[in-house]
Amino acid sequence: MSNQLYNILCKGKRIYTSLTEEEYFNIMEDLSIEFYQKGSPKPEDIDTEILLENTQWQRKQKVD
């Protein structure tokens, strides 16, 4: 099991937080379908933060 959680941001605003890997991929799929059907949110507006869990701390890593 992954020890990572994910946040999804749109235009810098967190729209989903503390997602499991499965939740993250499901939501990203939904967002991509929404883009192709409605034209938004644009892929360049979406960012991901990966929260690496550790017993002592969490580190945020932005993925472009």
N, C-alpha and C. Protein backbone atom coordinates (compact mmCIF):
# COMPACT_ATOMS: atom_id res chain seq x y z
N MET A 1 0.85 -1.19 0.00
CA MET A 1 0.00 0.00 0.00
C MET A 1 0.89 1.25 0.00
N SER A 2 0.52 2.21 -0.80
CA SER A 2 1.27 3.45 -0.92
C SER A 2 1.13 4.29 0.34
N ASN A 3 2.22 4.97 0.69
CA ASN A 3 2.17 5.87 1.84
C ASN A 3 2.10 7.32 1.37
N GLN A 4 1.56 7.51 0.16
CA GLN A 4 1.43 8.84 -0.39
C GLN A 4 -0.05 9.22 -0.44
N LEU A 5 -0.29 10.53 -0.23
CA LEU A 5 -1.60 11.11 -0.43
C LEU A 5 -1.45 12.23 -1.44
N TYR A 6 -2.55 12.59 -2.08
CA TYR A 6 -2.49 13.55 -3.18
C TYR A 6 -3.49 14.68 -2.97
N ASN A 7 -3.06 15.89 -3.35
CA ASN A 7 -3.95 17.05 -3.43
C ASN A 7 -4.03 17.44 -4.90
N ILE A 8 -5.20 17.86 -5.32
CA ILE A 8 -5.36 18.37 -6.68
C ILE A 8 -5.71 19.85 -6.58
N LEU A 9 -4.99 20.67 -7.34
CA LEU A 9 -5.21 22.11 -7.35
C LEU A 9 -5.66 22.55 -8.73
N CYS A 10 -6.55 23.53 -8.76
CA CYS A 10 -6.97 24.15 -10.01
C CYS A 10 -6.75 25.65 -9.87
N LYS A 11 -5.88 26.18 -10.72
CA LYS A 11 -5.50 27.60 -10.68
C LYS A 11 -5.00 27.98 -9.29
N GLY A 12 -4.24 27.07 -8.66
CA GLY A 12 -3.62 27.34 -7.37
C GLY A 12 -4.51 27.08 -6.17
N LYS A 13 -5.76 26.77 -6.39
CA LYS A 13 -6.69 26.51 -5.28
C LYS A 13 -6.89 25.01 -5.13
N ARG A 14 -6.74 24.51 -3.90
CA ARG A 14 -6.95 23.08 -3.66
C ARG A 14 -8.43 22.74 -3.84
N ILE A 15 -8.68 21.81 -4.75
CA ILE A 15 -10.06 21.40 -4.99
C ILE A 15 -10.32 20.00 -4.44
N TYR A 16 -9.27 19.22 -4.22
CA TYR A 16 -9.35 17.91 -3.56
C TYR A 16 -8.13 17.75 -2.68
N THR A 17 -8.32 17.17 -1.50
CA THR A 17 -7.20 17.02 -0.58
C THR A 17 -7.14 15.60 -0.01
N SER A 18 -5.92 15.19 0.32
CA SER A 18 -5.65 13.93 1.01
C SER A 18 -6.29 12.72 0.33
N LEU A 19 -6.10 12.65 -0.98
CA LEU A 19 -6.67 11.54 -1.74
C LEU A 19 -5.73 10.34 -1.73
N THR A 20 -6.31 9.16 -1.72
CA THR A 20 -5.51 7.97 -1.93
C THR A 20 -5.14 7.91 -3.40
N GLU A 21 -4.25 7.01 -3.76
CA GLU A 21 -3.84 6.87 -5.15
C GLU A 21 -5.04 6.53 -6.05
N GLU A 22 -5.87 5.62 -5.61
CA GLU A 22 -7.04 5.23 -6.39
C GLU A 22 -8.01 6.41 -6.56
N GLU A 23 -8.27 7.13 -5.48
CA GLU A 23 -9.15 8.31 -5.56
C GLU A 23 -8.56 9.35 -6.51
N TYR A 24 -7.25 9.56 -6.40
CA TYR A 24 -6.56 10.53 -7.25
C TYR A 24 -6.75 10.20 -8.73
N PHE A 25 -6.48 8.95 -9.10
CA PHE A 25 -6.60 8.56 -10.51
C PHE A 25 -8.04 8.63 -11.00
N ASN A 26 -9.00 8.27 -10.16
CA ASN A 26 -10.40 8.37 -10.55
C ASN A 26 -10.81 9.82 -10.81
N ILE A 27 -10.39 10.73 -9.93
CA ILE A 27 -10.75 12.14 -10.09
C ILE A 27 -10.04 12.74 -11.30
N MET A 28 -8.78 12.38 -11.52
CA MET A 28 -8.07 12.90 -12.69
C MET A 28 -8.74 12.42 -13.99
N GLU A 29 -9.23 11.19 -13.99
CA GLU A 29 -9.96 10.69 -15.14
C GLU A 29 -11.25 11.49 -15.35
N ASP A 30 -11.96 11.75 -14.25
CA ASP A 30 -13.19 12.56 -14.33
C ASP A 30 -12.90 13.96 -14.86
N LEU A 31 -11.80 14.57 -14.39
CA LEU A 31 -11.44 15.92 -14.84
C LEU A 31 -11.08 15.92 -16.32
N SER A 32 -10.41 14.88 -16.78
CA SER A 32 -10.06 14.82 -18.21
C SER A 32 -11.30 14.66 -19.08
N ILE A 33 -12.24 13.86 -18.63
CA ILE A 33 -13.50 13.69 -19.38
C ILE A 33 -14.26 15.02 -19.40
N GLU A 34 -14.30 15.69 -18.26
CA GLU A 34 -14.97 17.00 -18.19
C GLU A 34 -14.34 17.99 -19.15
N PHE A 35 -13.00 17.98 -19.24
CA PHE A 35 -12.32 18.89 -20.17
C PHE A 35 -12.74 18.61 -21.61
N TYR A 36 -12.76 17.36 -22.00
CA TYR A 36 -13.12 17.02 -23.39
C TYR A 36 -14.59 17.27 -23.69
N GLN A 37 -15.44 17.21 -22.67
CA GLN A 37 -16.87 17.47 -22.89
C GLN A 37 -17.22 18.96 -22.82
N LYS A 38 -16.58 19.69 -21.89
CA LYS A 38 -16.97 21.08 -21.63
C LYS A 38 -15.88 22.10 -21.92
N GLY A 39 -14.63 21.65 -22.08
CA GLY A 39 -13.54 22.59 -22.35
C GLY A 39 -12.84 23.11 -21.11
N SER A 40 -13.27 22.68 -19.95
CA SER A 40 -12.60 23.08 -18.71
C SER A 40 -12.82 22.00 -17.66
N PRO A 41 -11.96 21.90 -16.69
CA PRO A 41 -10.77 22.71 -16.47
C PRO A 41 -9.65 22.34 -17.45
N LYS A 42 -8.90 23.33 -17.86
CA LYS A 42 -7.80 23.12 -18.79
C LYS A 42 -6.66 22.39 -18.08
N PRO A 43 -5.99 21.49 -18.78
CA PRO A 43 -4.90 20.74 -18.17
C PRO A 43 -3.81 21.63 -17.56
N GLU A 44 -3.53 22.75 -18.19
CA GLU A 44 -2.48 23.64 -17.66
C GLU A 44 -2.90 24.32 -16.35
N ASP A 45 -4.18 24.27 -16.01
CA ASP A 45 -4.66 24.86 -14.76
C ASP A 45 -4.60 23.86 -13.59
N ILE A 46 -4.32 22.59 -13.89
CA ILE A 46 -4.33 21.54 -12.87
C ILE A 46 -2.92 21.23 -12.40
N ASP A 47 -2.73 21.20 -11.09
CA ASP A 47 -1.47 20.80 -10.47
C ASP A 47 -1.76 19.73 -9.44
N THR A 48 -0.72 18.96 -9.12
CA THR A 48 -0.83 17.91 -8.12
C THR A 48 0.22 18.12 -7.04
N GLU A 49 -0.17 17.98 -5.81
CA GLU A 49 0.77 17.93 -4.68
C GLU A 49 0.78 16.50 -4.17
N ILE A 50 1.97 15.97 -3.98
CA ILE A 50 2.10 14.63 -3.40
C ILE A 50 2.58 14.79 -1.97
N LEU A 51 1.81 14.24 -1.04
CA LEU A 51 2.16 14.28 0.37
C LEU A 51 2.83 12.96 0.72
N LEU A 52 4.10 13.03 1.07
CA LEU A 52 4.84 11.83 1.44
C LEU A 52 4.74 11.67 2.95
N GLU A 53 4.07 10.63 3.38
CA GLU A 53 3.85 10.42 4.80
C GLU A 53 5.05 9.73 5.43
N ASN A 54 5.36 10.17 6.59
CA ASN A 54 6.42 9.58 7.40
C ASN A 54 5.94 9.67 8.84
N THR A 55 6.45 8.86 9.71
CA THR A 55 6.00 8.90 11.10
C THR A 55 6.35 10.23 11.76
N GLN A 56 7.37 10.91 11.28
CA GLN A 56 7.82 12.15 11.90
C GLN A 56 7.35 13.42 11.17
N TRP A 57 7.08 13.33 9.86
CA TRP A 57 6.81 14.56 9.10
C TRP A 57 6.11 14.26 7.80
N GLN A 58 5.64 15.31 7.15
CA GLN A 58 5.09 15.23 5.80
C GLN A 58 5.83 16.22 4.93
N ARG A 59 6.07 15.84 3.69
CA ARG A 59 6.73 16.75 2.74
C ARG A 59 5.83 16.89 1.53
N LYS A 60 5.65 18.11 1.08
CA LYS A 60 4.84 18.35 -0.11
C LYS A 60 5.77 18.43 -1.31
N GLN A 61 5.36 17.79 -2.40
CA GLN A 61 6.11 17.82 -3.63
C GLN A 61 5.15 18.18 -4.75
N LYS A 62 5.45 19.25 -5.46
CA LYS A 62 4.60 19.67 -6.57
C LYS A 62 5.05 18.97 -7.83
N VAL A 63 4.08 18.46 -8.56
CA VAL A 63 4.36 17.76 -9.81
C VAL A 63 3.78 18.59 -10.95
N ASP A 64 4.60 18.88 -11.94
CA ASP A 64 4.13 19.65 -13.10
C ASP A 64 3.72 18.72 -14.21
